[in-house]
C-alpha atoms as a PDB file:
ATOM      1  CA  MET A   1      67.742 105.825  91.925  1.00  0.00           C
ATOM      2  CA  SER A   2      65.804 102.285  91.857  1.00  0.00           C
ATOM      3  CA  ARG A   3      66.649  99.841  94.011  1.00  0.00           C
ATOM      4  CA  LYS A   4      67.929  97.767  91.315  1.00  0.00           C
ATOM      5  CA  GLU A   5      70.525 100.371  90.261  1.00  0.00           C
ATOM      6  CA  GLU A   6      71.718 100.447  93.754  1.00  0.00           C
ATOM      7  CA  LYS A   7      72.739  96.549  93.969  1.00  0.00           C
ATOM      8  CA  PRO A   8      75.714  96.307  91.671  1.00  0.00           C
ATOM      9  CA  ALA A   9      77.688  99.177  93.891  1.00  0.00           C
ATOM     10  CA  PHE A  10      76.756  97.221  97.113  1.00  0.00           C
ATOM     11  CA  THR A  11      77.694  93.964  95.510  1.00  0.00           C
ATOM     12  CA  PHE A  12      80.996  95.503  93.760  1.00  0.00           C
ATOM     13  CA  LYS A  13      82.013  97.051  97.671  1.00  0.00           C
ATOM     14  CA  ILE A  14      81.472  93.901  99.702  1.00  0.00           C
ATOM     15  CA  GLY A  15      82.649  91.524  96.964  1.00  0.00           C
ATOM     16  CA  PHE A  16      85.826  93.265  96.030  1.00  0.00           C
ATOM     17  CA  ASN A  17      86.985  94.200  99.654  1.00  0.00           C
ATOM     18  CA  LYS A  18      90.529  93.642  98.785  1.00  0.00           C
ATOM     19  CA  ASP A  19      90.593  96.513  95.917  1.00  0.00           C
ATOM     20  CA  ILE A  20      93.560  98.804  96.062  1.00  0.00           C
ATOM     21  CA  GLY A  21      93.597 102.089  95.220  1.00  0.00           C
ATOM     22  CA  ILE A  22      97.049 103.908  94.872  1.00  0.00           C
ATOM     23  CA  ASP A  23      98.670 107.106  94.493  1.00  0.00           C
ATOM     24  CA  LEU A  24     101.996 106.823  92.531  1.00  0.00           C
ATOM     25  CA  GLY A  25     103.823 109.921  93.299  1.00  0.00           C
ATOM     26  CA  THR A  26     107.276 110.670  91.904  1.00  0.00           C
ATOM     27  CA  ALA A  27     108.250 111.366  95.641  1.00  0.00           C
ATOM     28  CA  ASN A  28     105.908 109.067  97.894  1.00  0.00           C
ATOM     29  CA  THR A  29     103.849 106.385  96.610  1.00  0.00           C
ATOM     30  CA  LEU A  30     100.582 105.505  99.244  1.00  0.00           C
ATOM     31  CA  VAL A  31      98.320 102.721  99.219  1.00  0.00           C
ATOM     32  CA  PHE A  32      94.540 102.737 100.350  1.00  0.00           C
ATOM     33  CA  LEU A  33      93.210  99.039 100.971  1.00  0.00           C
ATOM     34  CA  MET A  34      89.586  98.801 100.677  1.00  0.00           C
ATOM     35  CA  GLY A  35      88.005  98.305 104.171  1.00  0.00           C
ATOM     36  CA  LYS A  36      91.219  99.532 106.027  1.00  0.00           C
ATOM     37  CA  GLY A  37      92.033 103.006 104.479  1.00  0.00           C
ATOM     38  CA  ILE A  38      95.687 104.092 103.621  1.00  0.00           C
ATOM     39  CA  VAL A  39      98.067 100.875 104.823  1.00  0.00           C
ATOM     40  CA  LEU A  40     101.038 102.169 103.183  1.00  0.00           C
ATOM     41  CA  LYS A  41     102.743 105.257 102.982  1.00  0.00           C
ATOM     42  CA  GLU A  42     106.836 104.943 101.617  1.00  0.00           C
ATOM     43  CA  PRO A  43     109.308 106.862  99.206  1.00  0.00           C
ATOM     44  CA  SER A  44     109.012 105.992  95.670  1.00  0.00           C
ATOM     45  CA  VAL A  45     112.671 105.014  95.753  1.00  0.00           C
ATOM     46  CA  VAL A  46     114.153 101.386  94.363  1.00  0.00           C
ATOM     47  CA  ALA A  47     117.710 100.145  95.587  1.00  0.00           C
ATOM     48  CA  LEU A  48     119.042  97.720  92.982  1.00  0.00           C
ATOM     49  CA  HIS A  49     122.722  96.221  92.695  1.00  0.00           C
ATOM     50  CA  ALA A  50     124.296  97.809  89.731  1.00  0.00           C
ATOM     51  CA  HIS A  51     125.919  94.707  88.083  1.00  0.00           C
ATOM     52  CA  THR A  52     123.017  92.133  88.847  1.00  0.00           C
ATOM     53  CA  GLY A  53     119.631  94.163  88.640  1.00  0.00           C
ATOM     54  CA  GLU A  54     118.655  92.275  91.978  1.00  0.00           C
ATOM     55  CA  LEU A  55     116.622  94.215  93.913  1.00  0.00           C
ATOM     56  CA  LEU A  56     117.953  95.250  97.449  1.00  0.00           C
ATOM     57  CA  ALA A  57     115.438  97.549  98.884  1.00  0.00           C
ATOM     58  CA  VAL A  58     112.472  99.235  98.120  1.00  0.00           C
ATOM     59  CA  GLY A  59     110.672 102.524  99.808  1.00  0.00           C
ATOM     60  CA  ASP A  60     111.999 103.822 103.186  1.00  0.00           C
ATOM     61  CA  GLU A  61     114.838 101.414 103.299  1.00  0.00           C
ATOM     62  CA  ALA A  62     116.040 102.732  99.707  1.00  0.00           C
ATOM     63  CA  LYS A  63     115.299 106.122 100.702  1.00  0.00           C
ATOM     64  CA  ALA A  64     117.806 106.030 103.628  1.00  0.00           C
ATOM     65  CA  MET A  65     120.544 104.831 100.986  1.00  0.00           C
ATOM     66  CA  ILE A  66     120.550 107.681  98.702  1.00  0.00           C
ATOM     67  CA  GLY A  67     123.686 109.885  98.235  1.00  0.00           C
ATOM     68  CA  ARG A  68     125.443 106.762 100.946  1.00  0.00           C
ATOM     69  CA  THR A  69     125.761 103.829  98.361  1.00  0.00           C
ATOM     70  CA  PRO A  70     128.947 101.940  97.481  1.00  0.00           C
ATOM     71  CA  SER A  71     129.292 101.855  93.385  1.00  0.00           C
ATOM     72  CA  ASN A  72     127.989  98.389  93.186  1.00  0.00           C
ATOM     73  CA  ILE A  73     124.514  99.801  94.775  1.00  0.00           C
ATOM     74  CA  ILE A  74     122.164 102.504  92.889  1.00  0.00           C
ATOM     75  CA  ALA A  75     119.082 104.138  94.338  1.00  0.00           C
ATOM     76  CA  ILE A  76     116.884 105.096  91.968  1.00  0.00           C
ATOM     77  CA  ARG A  77     113.541 107.211  91.584  1.00  0.00           C
ATOM     78  CA  PRO A  78     111.926 105.461  88.943  1.00  0.00           C
ATOM     79  CA  LEU A  79     109.348 108.439  88.412  1.00  0.00           C
ATOM     80  CA  LYS A  80     110.172 111.527  87.207  1.00  0.00           C
ATOM     81  CA  ASP A  81     107.610 114.588  86.840  1.00  0.00           C
ATOM     82  CA  GLY A  82     104.642 112.429  87.997  1.00  0.00           C
ATOM     83  CA  VAL A  83     105.445 109.588  85.037  1.00  0.00           C
ATOM     84  CA  ILE A  84     107.244 106.449  84.558  1.00  0.00           C
ATOM     85  CA  ALA A  85     110.682 106.916  83.709  1.00  0.00           C
ATOM     86  CA  ASP A  86     111.972 103.168  84.219  1.00  0.00           C
ATOM     87  CA  PHE A  87     109.214 101.204  83.422  1.00  0.00           C
ATOM     88  CA  ASN A  88     110.703  97.758  84.977  1.00  0.00           C
ATOM     89  CA  ILE A  89     111.379  99.458  88.027  1.00  0.00           C
ATOM     90  CA  THR A  90     108.480 100.839  88.230  1.00  0.00           C
ATOM     91  CA  LYS A  91     107.051  97.171  87.797  1.00  0.00           C
ATOM     92  CA  MET A  92     109.391  95.791  90.373  1.00  0.00           C
ATOM     93  CA  MET A  93     108.502  98.926  93.039  1.00  0.00           C
ATOM     94  CA  LEU A  94     104.404  98.324  92.426  1.00  0.00           C
ATOM     95  CA  LYS A  95     104.493  94.711  92.747  1.00  0.00           C
ATOM     96  CA  TYR A  96     106.214  94.811  96.167  1.00  0.00           C
ATOM     97  CA  PHE A  97     104.176  97.660  97.429  1.00  0.00           C
ATOM     98  CA  ILE A  98     100.933  95.681  96.553  1.00  0.00           C
ATOM     99  CA  SER A  99     102.180  92.561  97.990  1.00  0.00           C
ATOM    100  CA  LYS A 100     103.219  94.025 101.246  1.00  0.00           C
ATOM    101  CA  THR A 101      99.470  95.705 101.724  1.00  0.00           C
ATOM    102  CA  LEU A 102      98.236  92.304 100.478  1.00  0.00           C
ATOM    103  CA  LYS A 103     100.406  90.034 103.052  1.00  0.00           C
ATOM    104  CA  GLY A 104      98.704  87.208 104.761  1.00  0.00           C
ATOM    105  CA  MET A 105      95.339  87.478 102.780  1.00  0.00           C
ATOM    106  CA  GLY A 106      96.198  84.513 100.447  1.00  0.00           C
ATOM    107  CA  ILE A 107      96.116  85.062  96.828  1.00  0.00           C
ATOM    108  CA  VAL A 108      94.254  87.644  95.785  1.00  0.00           C
ATOM    109  CA  ARG A 109      94.385  89.407  92.477  1.00  0.00           C
ATOM    110  CA  PRO A 110      92.854  92.690  93.342  1.00  0.00           C
ATOM    111  CA  ARG A 111      91.335  95.965  91.085  1.00  0.00           C
ATOM    112  CA  ILE A 112      93.914  98.549  91.271  1.00  0.00           C
ATOM    113  CA  LEU A 113      92.918 102.320  90.605  1.00  0.00           C
ATOM    114  CA  ILE A 114      96.000 104.629  90.425  1.00  0.00           C
ATOM    115  CA  GLY A 115      96.082 108.140  90.073  1.00  0.00           C
ATOM    116  CA  VAL A 116      98.286 109.732  87.445  1.00  0.00           C
ATOM    117  CA  PRO A 117      99.066 113.152  86.623  1.00  0.00           C
ATOM    118  CA  LEU A 118      96.556 115.673  84.326  1.00  0.00           C
ATOM    119  CA  GLY A 119      97.274 115.482  80.532  1.00  0.00           C
ATOM    120  CA  ILE A 120      99.037 111.947  80.951  1.00  0.00           C
ATOM    121  CA  THR A 121      99.770 110.818  77.419  1.00  0.00           C
ATOM    122  CA  GLN A 122      98.105 107.482  75.740  1.00  0.00           C
ATOM    123  CA  VAL A 123     101.497 105.727  75.751  1.00  0.00           C
ATOM    124  CA  GLU A 124     102.211 106.993  79.637  1.00  0.00           C
ATOM    125  CA  SER A 125      98.900 106.007  80.686  1.00  0.00           C
ATOM    126  CA  ARG A 126      99.099 102.022  78.978  1.00  0.00           C
ATOM    127  CA  ALA A 127     102.788 101.965  80.864  1.00  0.00           C
ATOM    128  CA  VAL A 128     100.854 102.865  84.153  1.00  0.00           C
ATOM    129  CA  ILE A 129      98.375 100.169  83.502  1.00  0.00           C
ATOM    130  CA  GLU A 130     100.622  97.497  82.397  1.00  0.00           C
ATOM    131  CA  ALA A 131     102.722  98.048  85.288  1.00  0.00           C
ATOM    132  CA  ALA A 132      99.764  97.437  87.704  1.00  0.00           C
ATOM    133  CA  GLN A 133      98.563  94.105  85.741  1.00  0.00           C
ATOM    134  CA  GLN A 134     102.103  92.892  85.735  1.00  0.00           C
ATOM    135  CA  ALA A 135     102.491  93.778  89.305  1.00  0.00           C
ATOM    136  CA  GLY A 136      99.087  91.461  90.277  1.00  0.00           C
ATOM    137  CA  ALA A 137      96.487  93.575  89.100  1.00  0.00           C
ATOM    138  CA  LYS A 138      93.298  91.350  87.904  1.00  0.00           C
ATOM    139  CA  GLU A 139      91.919  94.710  86.537  1.00  0.00           C
ATOM    140  CA  ALA A 140      93.780  98.308  86.588  1.00  0.00           C
ATOM    141  CA  TYR A 141      92.220 101.776  85.641  1.00  0.00           C
ATOM    142  CA  ILE A 142      93.419 105.215  86.313  1.00  0.00           C
ATOM    143  CA  ILE A 143      92.271 108.832  87.317  1.00  0.00           C
ATOM    144  CA  GLU A 144      93.266 111.970  87.157  1.00  0.00           C
ATOM    145  CA  GLU A 145      94.795 113.326  90.321  1.00  0.00           C
ATOM    146  CA  PRO A 146      92.710 116.433  90.748  1.00  0.00           C
ATOM    147  CA  ILE A 147      90.150 114.516  90.803  1.00  0.00           C
ATOM    148  CA  ALA A 148      91.098 111.905  93.155  1.00  0.00           C
ATOM    149  CA  ALA A 149      92.446 114.711  95.304  1.00  0.00           C
ATOM    150  CA  ALA A 150      89.279 116.638  95.179  1.00  0.00           C
ATOM    151  CA  ILE A 151      87.181 113.945  96.180  1.00  0.00           C
ATOM    152  CA  GLY A 152      89.926 113.119  99.007  1.00  0.00           C
ATOM    153  CA  ALA A 153      89.630 116.541  99.890  1.00  0.00           C
ATOM    154  CA  GLY A 154      85.730 116.170 100.657  1.00  0.00           C
ATOM    155  CA  LEU A 155      84.879 118.512  97.528  1.00  0.00           C
ATOM    156  CA  LYS A 156      81.440 117.649  96.224  1.00  0.00           C
ATOM    157  CA  VAL A 157      82.815 117.011  92.537  1.00  0.00           C
ATOM    158  CA  ASN A 158      79.552 115.786  91.145  1.00  0.00           C
ATOM    159  CA  GLU A 159      77.415 118.359  91.622  1.00  0.00           C
ATOM    160  CA  PRO A 160      76.408 121.380  89.328  1.00  0.00           C
ATOM    161  CA  ILE A 161      78.965 123.891  91.220  1.00  0.00           C
ATOM    162  CA  GLY A 162      82.432 124.865  90.510  1.00  0.00           C
ATOM    163  CA  ASN A 163      85.465 123.197  92.769  1.00  0.00           C
ATOM    164  CA  MET A 164      89.040 124.423  92.606  1.00  0.00           C
ATOM    165  CA  ILE A 165      91.967 121.952  93.593  1.00  0.00           C
ATOM    166  CA  VAL A 166      95.389 122.503  93.622  1.00  0.00           C
ATOM    167  CA  ASP A 167      97.628 119.422  93.859  1.00  0.00           C
ATOM    168  CA  ILE A 168     101.388 120.035  94.725  1.00  0.00           C
ATOM    169  CA  GLY A 169     102.768 117.100  94.814  1.00  0.00           C
ATOM    170  CA  GLY A 170     106.979 115.933  94.335  1.00  0.00           C
ATOM    171  CA  GLY A 171     106.844 115.729  90.203  1.00  0.00           C
ATOM    172  CA  THR A 172     104.080 118.177  89.119  1.00  0.00           C
ATOM    173  CA  THR A 173     101.670 120.388  90.637  1.00  0.00           C
ATOM    174  CA  GLU A 174      97.999 119.867  89.572  1.00  0.00           C
ATOM    175  CA  VAL A 175      95.667 123.085  88.973  1.00  0.00           C
ATOM    176  CA  ALA A 176      91.690 122.008  88.092  1.00  0.00           C
ATOM    177  CA  ILE A 177      88.344 123.398  87.915  1.00  0.00           C
ATOM    178  CA  ILE A 178      86.017 120.451  88.515  1.00  0.00           C
ATOM    179  CA  SER A 179      82.034 120.351  88.136  1.00  0.00           C
ATOM    180  CA  LEU A 180      79.517 117.435  87.460  1.00  0.00           C
ATOM    181  CA  GLY A 181      82.769 115.319  87.855  1.00  0.00           C
ATOM    182  CA  GLY A 182      84.612 116.292  85.406  1.00  0.00           C
ATOM    183  CA  ILE A 183      87.372 118.787  84.590  1.00  0.00           C
ATOM    184  CA  VAL A 184      86.269 121.892  83.165  1.00  0.00           C
ATOM    185  CA  VAL A 185      89.419 123.919  83.060  1.00  0.00           C
ATOM    186  CA  GLY A 186      92.794 122.148  84.113  1.00  0.00           C
ATOM    187  CA  LYS A 187      96.417 122.688  84.194  1.00  0.00           C
ATOM    188  CA  SER A 188      99.789 120.667  84.554  1.00  0.00           C
ATOM    189  CA  ILE A 189     103.501 122.027  85.228  1.00  0.00           C
ATOM    190  CA  ARG A 190     106.287 119.750  86.060  1.00  0.00           C
ATOM    191  CA  VAL A 191     107.127 121.905  89.152  1.00  0.00           C
ATOM    192  CA  GLY A 192     106.616 120.614  92.888  1.00  0.00           C
ATOM    193  CA  GLY A 193     108.269 119.612  95.981  1.00  0.00           C
ATOM    194  CA  ASP A 194     111.398 118.140  93.830  1.00  0.00           C
ATOM    195  CA  GLU A 195     111.727 121.418  91.957  1.00  0.00           C
ATOM    196  CA  MET A 196     111.622 123.304  95.646  1.00  0.00           C
ATOM    197  CA  ASN A 197     114.862 121.037  96.649  1.00  0.00           C
ATOM    198  CA  GLN A 198     116.409 121.912  93.358  1.00  0.00           C
ATOM    199  CA  SER A 199     116.110 125.761  94.214  1.00  0.00           C
ATOM    200  CA  ILE A 200     117.733 125.115  97.234  1.00  0.00           C
ATOM    201  CA  ILE A 201     120.437 123.101  95.939  1.00  0.00           C
ATOM    202  CA  ARG A 202     121.253 125.635  93.543  1.00  0.00           C
ATOM    203  CA  TYR A 203     120.838 128.587  95.829  1.00  0.00           C
ATOM    204  CA  MET A 204     123.455 126.991  98.444  1.00  0.00           C
ATOM    205  CA  LYS A 205     126.011 126.650  95.854  1.00  0.00           C
ATOM    206  CA  ARG A 206     125.739 129.969  94.360  1.00  0.00           C
ATOM    207  CA  THR A 207     125.614 131.933  97.500  1.00  0.00           C
ATOM    208  CA  TYR A 208     127.679 129.328  99.573  1.00  0.00           C
ATOM    209  CA  ASN A 209     129.575 127.300  97.394  1.00  0.00           C
ATOM    210  CA  LEU A 210     128.267 124.283  99.063  1.00  0.00           C
ATOM    211  CA  GLU A 211     127.230 121.293  97.318  1.00  0.00           C
ATOM    212  CA  ILE A 212     124.359 119.608  99.042  1.00  0.00           C
ATOM    213  CA  GLY A 213     121.723 116.697  98.213  1.00  0.00           C
ATOM    214  CA  ASP A 214     118.180 116.186  97.773  1.00  0.00           C
ATOM    215  CA  ARG A 215     117.487 114.802 101.679  1.00  0.00           C
ATOM    216  CA  THR A 216     119.226 117.774 103.061  1.00  0.00           C
ATOM    217  CA  ALA A 217     117.483 120.342 100.908  1.00  0.00           C
ATOM    218  CA  GLU A 218     114.479 118.731 101.717  1.00  0.00           C
ATOM    219  CA  GLU A 219     114.617 119.118 105.599  1.00  0.00           C
ATOM    220  CA  ALA A 220     115.794 122.825 104.856  1.00  0.00           C
ATOM    221  CA  LYS A 221     112.893 123.076 103.456  1.00  0.00           C
ATOM    222  CA  ILE A 222     110.720 121.369 106.158  1.00  0.00           C
ATOM    223  CA  HIS A 223     112.156 122.679 108.652  1.00  0.00           C
ATOM    224  CA  ILE A 224     112.623 126.552 107.737  1.00  0.00           C
ATOM    225  CA  GLY A 225     110.630 126.531 104.466  1.00  0.00           C
ATOM    226  CA  TYR A 226     108.208 129.526 103.831  1.00  0.00           C
ATOM    227  CA  ALA A 227     106.565 130.790 100.986  1.00  0.00           C
ATOM    228  CA  ILE A 228     106.013 134.238 102.602  1.00  0.00           C
ATOM    229  CA  ASN A 229     106.623 136.230 105.699  1.00  0.00           C
ATOM    230  CA  PRO A 230     109.594 133.839 106.911  1.00  0.00           C
ATOM    231  CA  SER A 231     110.323 133.411 110.534  1.00  0.00           C
ATOM    232  CA  PRO A 232     112.991 136.314 110.915  1.00  0.00           C
ATOM    233  CA  ASN A 233     114.907 133.730 113.670  1.00  0.00           C
ATOM    234  CA  ALA A 234     114.620 130.667 112.326  1.00  0.00           C
ATOM    235  CA  THR A 235     117.824 128.813 111.182  1.00  0.00           C
ATOM    236  CA  PHE A 236     119.260 125.649 109.885  1.00  0.00           C
ATOM    237  CA  ALA A 237     122.552 124.380 109.837  1.00  0.00           C
ATOM    238  CA  VAL A 238     122.905 122.571 106.100  1.00  0.00           C
ATOM    239  CA  ARG A 239     125.574 120.165 105.792  1.00  0.00           C
ATOM    240  CA  GLY A 240     127.613 119.593 102.243  1.00  0.00           C
ATOM    241  CA  ARG A 241     130.788 119.833 100.594  1.00  0.00           C
ATOM    242  CA  ASN A 242     132.694 122.768 100.007  1.00  0.00           C
ATOM    243  CA  LEU A 243     133.229 122.954  96.239  1.00  0.00           C
ATOM    244  CA  ALA A 244     136.448 124.945  96.731  1.00  0.00           C
ATOM    245  CA  THR A 245     138.228 122.981  99.281  1.00  0.00           C
ATOM    246  CA  GLY A 246     136.556 119.457  98.598  1.00  0.00           C
ATOM    247  CA  MET A 247     136.011 119.113 102.383  1.00  0.00           C
ATOM    248  CA  PRO A 248     132.848 118.516 104.353  1.00  0.00           C
ATOM    249  CA  ASN A 249     131.309 122.139 105.608  1.00  0.00           C
ATOM    250  CA  SER A 250     128.254 123.592 107.466  1.00  0.00           C
ATOM    251  CA  VAL A 251     126.348 126.759 106.937  1.00  0.00           C
ATOM    252  CA  GLU A 252     123.685 128.024 109.464  1.00  0.00           C
ATOM    253  CA  VAL A 253     120.823 129.745 106.942  1.00  0.00           C
ATOM    254  CA  SER A 254     118.038 131.727 107.706  1.00  0.00           C
ATOM    255  CA  ALA A 255     114.138 131.306 106.847  1.00  0.00           C
ATOM    256  CA  GLN A 256     114.586 134.142 104.564  1.00  0.00           C
ATOM    257  CA  GLU A 257     117.186 133.053 102.363  1.00  0.00           C
ATOM    258  CA  ILE A 258     115.224 129.877 101.755  1.00  0.00           C
ATOM    259  CA  SER A 259     112.303 131.735 100.990  1.00  0.00           C
ATOM    260  CA  GLU A 260     114.451 133.759  98.721  1.00  0.00           C
ATOM    261  CA  ALA A 261     115.464 130.311  97.210  1.00  0.00           C
ATOM    262  CA  LEU A 262     111.844 129.003  96.518  1.00  0.00           C
ATOM    263  CA  ALA A 263     110.396 132.327  95.070  1.00  0.00           C
ATOM    264  CA  GLU A 264     110.867 130.659  91.501  1.00  0.00           C
ATOM    265  CA  PRO A 265     109.092 127.387  91.890  1.00  0.00           C
ATOM    266  CA  ILE A 266     106.171 129.303  93.985  1.00  0.00           C
ATOM    267  CA  ASN A 267     105.914 131.564  91.191  1.00  0.00           C
ATOM    268  CA  SER A 268     105.331 129.246  88.549  1.00  0.00           C
ATOM    269  CA  ILE A 269     103.010 127.674  90.657  1.00  0.00           C
ATOM    270  CA  ILE A 270     100.999 130.727  91.198  1.00  0.00           C
ATOM    271  CA  GLU A 271     101.178 131.464  87.349  1.00  0.00           C
ATOM    272  CA  ALA A 272      99.483 128.420  86.547  1.00  0.00           C
ATOM    273  CA  ILE A 273      96.516 128.947  88.924  1.00  0.00           C
ATOM    274  CA  ARG A 274      96.075 132.829  87.496  1.00  0.00           C
ATOM    275  CA  SER A 275      96.782 130.877  83.936  1.00  0.00           C
ATOM    276  CA  THR A 276      93.529 128.369  85.126  1.00  0.00           C
ATOM    277  CA  LEU A 277      91.562 130.995  86.729  1.00  0.00           C
ATOM    278  CA  GLU A 278      91.866 133.410  83.626  1.00  0.00           C
ATOM    279  CA  LYS A 279      90.203 130.084  81.290  1.00  0.00           C
ATOM    280  CA  THR A 280      87.524 129.570  83.604  1.00  0.00           C
ATOM    281  CA  PRO A 281      84.006 130.433  82.903  1.00  0.00           C
ATOM    282  CA  PRO A 282      82.534 133.226  84.961  1.00  0.00           C
ATOM    283  CA  GLU A 283      79.736 131.347  86.676  1.00  0.00           C
ATOM    284  CA  ILE A 284      82.037 128.931  88.212  1.00  0.00           C
ATOM    285  CA  ALA A 285      84.640 131.618  89.211  1.00  0.00           C
ATOM    286  CA  ALA A 286      81.865 133.113  91.279  1.00  0.00           C
ATOM    287  CA  ASP A 287      81.519 129.726  92.738  1.00  0.00           C
ATOM    288  CA  ILE A 288      84.961 129.412  93.306  1.00  0.00           C
ATOM    289  CA  MET A 289      85.139 133.012  94.657  1.00  0.00           C
ATOM    290  CA  GLU A 290      82.899 131.853  97.404  1.00  0.00           C
ATOM    291  CA  THR A 291      83.681 128.353  98.110  1.00  0.00           C
ATOM    292  CA  GLY A 292      87.907 129.032  97.803  1.00  0.00           C
ATOM    293  CA  MET A 293      90.708 126.731  96.277  1.00  0.00           C
ATOM    294  CA  MET A 294      91.515 123.765  98.166  1.00  0.00           C
ATOM    295  CA  LEU A 295      95.353 122.506  98.340  1.00  0.00           C
ATOM    296  CA  ALA A 296      96.239 119.263  98.413  1.00  0.00           C
ATOM    297  CA  GLY A 297      99.571 117.386  98.123  1.00  0.00           C
ATOM    298  CA  GLY A 298     103.235 117.677 100.063  1.00  0.00           C
ATOM    299  CA  GLY A 299     103.742 120.830  98.965  1.00  0.00           C
ATOM    300  CA  ALA A 300     100.481 122.133 100.555  1.00  0.00           C
ATOM    301  CA  LEU A 301     102.532 121.793 103.865  1.00  0.00           C
ATOM    302  CA  LEU A 302     104.888 124.591 102.963  1.00  0.00           C
ATOM    303  CA  LYS A 303     104.335 127.085 105.585  1.00  0.00           C
ATOM    304  CA  ASN A 304     102.221 130.196 104.328  1.00  0.00           C
ATOM    305  CA  ILE A 305     101.859 128.776 100.803  1.00  0.00           C
ATOM    306  CA  ASP A 306      97.843 129.389 101.426  1.00  0.00           C
ATOM    307  CA  LEU A 307      98.690 132.892 102.456  1.00  0.00           C
ATOM    308  CA  ILE A 308     100.615 133.869  99.242  1.00  0.00           C
ATOM    309  CA  ILE A 309      98.152 132.400  96.870  1.00  0.00           C
ATOM    310  CA  SER A 310      95.388 134.224  98.450  1.00  0.00           C
ATOM    311  CA  LYS A 311      96.895 137.138  98.458  1.00  0.00           C
ATOM    312  CA  ILE A 312      98.027 137.337  94.680  1.00  0.00           C
ATOM    313  CA  THR A 313      94.915 135.852  93.423  1.00  0.00           C
ATOM    314  CA  ASN A 314      92.392 137.649  96.112  1.00  0.00           C
ATOM    315  CA  MET A 315      90.600 134.430  96.872  1.00  0.00           C
ATOM    316  CA  PRO A 316      89.879 132.415  99.978  1.00  0.00           C
ATOM    317  CA  VAL A 317      92.201 129.345 100.092  1.00  0.00           C
ATOM    318  CA  ILE A 318      91.881 126.268 102.213  1.00  0.00           C
ATOM    319  CA  ILE A 319      94.725 123.624 103.077  1.00  0.00           C
ATOM    320  CA  ALA A 320      92.939 120.062 103.101  1.00  0.00           C
ATOM    321  CA  GLU A 321      92.489 118.607 106.500  1.00  0.00           C
ATOM    322  CA  ASP A 322      95.077 115.887 105.423  1.00  0.00           C
ATOM    323  CA  PRO A 323      97.334 117.150 102.109  1.00  0.00           C
ATOM    324  CA  LEU A 324      99.686 114.230 101.910  1.00  0.00           C
ATOM    325  CA  THR A 325      96.666 111.331 101.645  1.00  0.00           C
ATOM    326  CA  CYS A 326      94.282 113.431  99.647  1.00  0.00           C
ATOM    327  CA  VAL A 327      94.947 111.577  96.254  1.00  0.00           C
ATOM    328  CA  ALA A 328      95.154 108.208  97.943  1.00  0.00           C
ATOM    329  CA  LYS A 329      91.988 108.622  99.962  1.00  0.00           C
ATOM    330  CA  GLY A 330      90.341 109.703  96.391  1.00  0.00           C
ATOM    331  CA  THR A 331      90.981 106.637  95.191  1.00  0.00           C
ATOM    332  CA  GLY A 332      89.838 104.689  97.821  1.00  0.00           C
ATOM    333  CA  LYS A 333      86.662 106.149  98.104  1.00  0.00           C
ATOM    334  CA  ALA A 334      86.089 105.733  94.410  1.00  0.00           C
ATOM    335  CA  LEU A 335      86.658 102.252  94.337  1.00  0.00           C
ATOM    336  CA  GLU A 336      83.937 101.936  97.091  1.00  0.00           C
ATOM    337  CA  LYS A 337      81.365 103.174  94.731  1.00  0.00           C
ATOM    338  CA  ILE A 338      80.860 101.551  90.889  1.00  0.00           C
ATOM    339  CA  SER A 339      78.676 104.513  89.567  1.00  0.00           C
ATOM    340  CA  LEU A 340      81.457 107.261  90.629  1.00  0.00           C
ATOM    341  CA  LEU A 341      84.294 105.133  89.171  1.00  0.00           C
ATOM    342  CA  LYS A 342      82.595 104.581  86.171  1.00  0.00           C
ATOM    343  CA  LYS A 343      82.290 108.248  85.440  1.00  0.00           C
ATOM    344  CA  ILE A 344      85.616 109.042  86.942  1.00  0.00           C
ATOM    345  CA  ALA A 345      88.227 106.548  86.039  1.00  0.00           C
ATOM    346  CA  ILE A 346      89.886 107.416  82.343  1.00  0.00           C
ATOM    347  CA  SER A 347      89.993 103.743  81.188  1.00  0.00           C
ATOM    348  CA  TYR A 348      86.975 102.115  82.504  1.00  0.00           C
END
């Protein structure tokens, strides 16, 4: 590469050092600020006044209100299955997170790169870009989450080598085979951490006649959730409402039971992986057999999920160093290099 070709990338990096990369997730939003790394990691939740629509809280503060609000306050997750379900509330949330990120930096209109699910429609793509622009972006671009996750996990996406990434997020699981900066084969399913929580909720209702909320289900998943080989002695006190009496109740649940509850969503994820591998060209499949598949996203933190995937696919499985931040880090790395951004951004 000549010096003339190198200059624009250098100018981009120095001249626009307030640019932002965003992992706009169903469960959490992470923000990467150029030169500083990840500066914000908060739940994708907004609390509003039910009658006036006034914004009351965003992020951690709003999540604490879920299931505990009076009738005049509603706590909303504006993204469902990885895409915008409520445009106006998403715009408010983005504006809040962007303002919080740039606080104290004066009047800045950054370039913003946002990770979106694989196979997002044109309408959904426009909604994400418009939300970012209306939230204060000078320019907004989108990048497919598997590419961003692969970059953030340190995979060499631009080389003529097959890489496999499985990004298990809150609303979706993205499975992609990547080579030469593009997705060779990809699949997105609307199964992720949220569906795992719902499976636990259904199990508790079916087995114990106990109604529990999302937060309780998530706590049980984090503490004693295993994809395979659950700890024989691990238990967790699950609190909720007895559907027969209507009274509060607590049940001691074993890791084995939570593992059974999680079986259905885990099987869906494994089926998506198998389906993707079946469509993979043989040369690339040989690369992946050697290098293994990379797990990213919050779902990669589920205990022993790498073991069950490896057992069923008979392939090496590696969990990214910090799976929760891979997409956000990937957007940041893409922003650092204009040549990479031009190649991978969907709407550059």
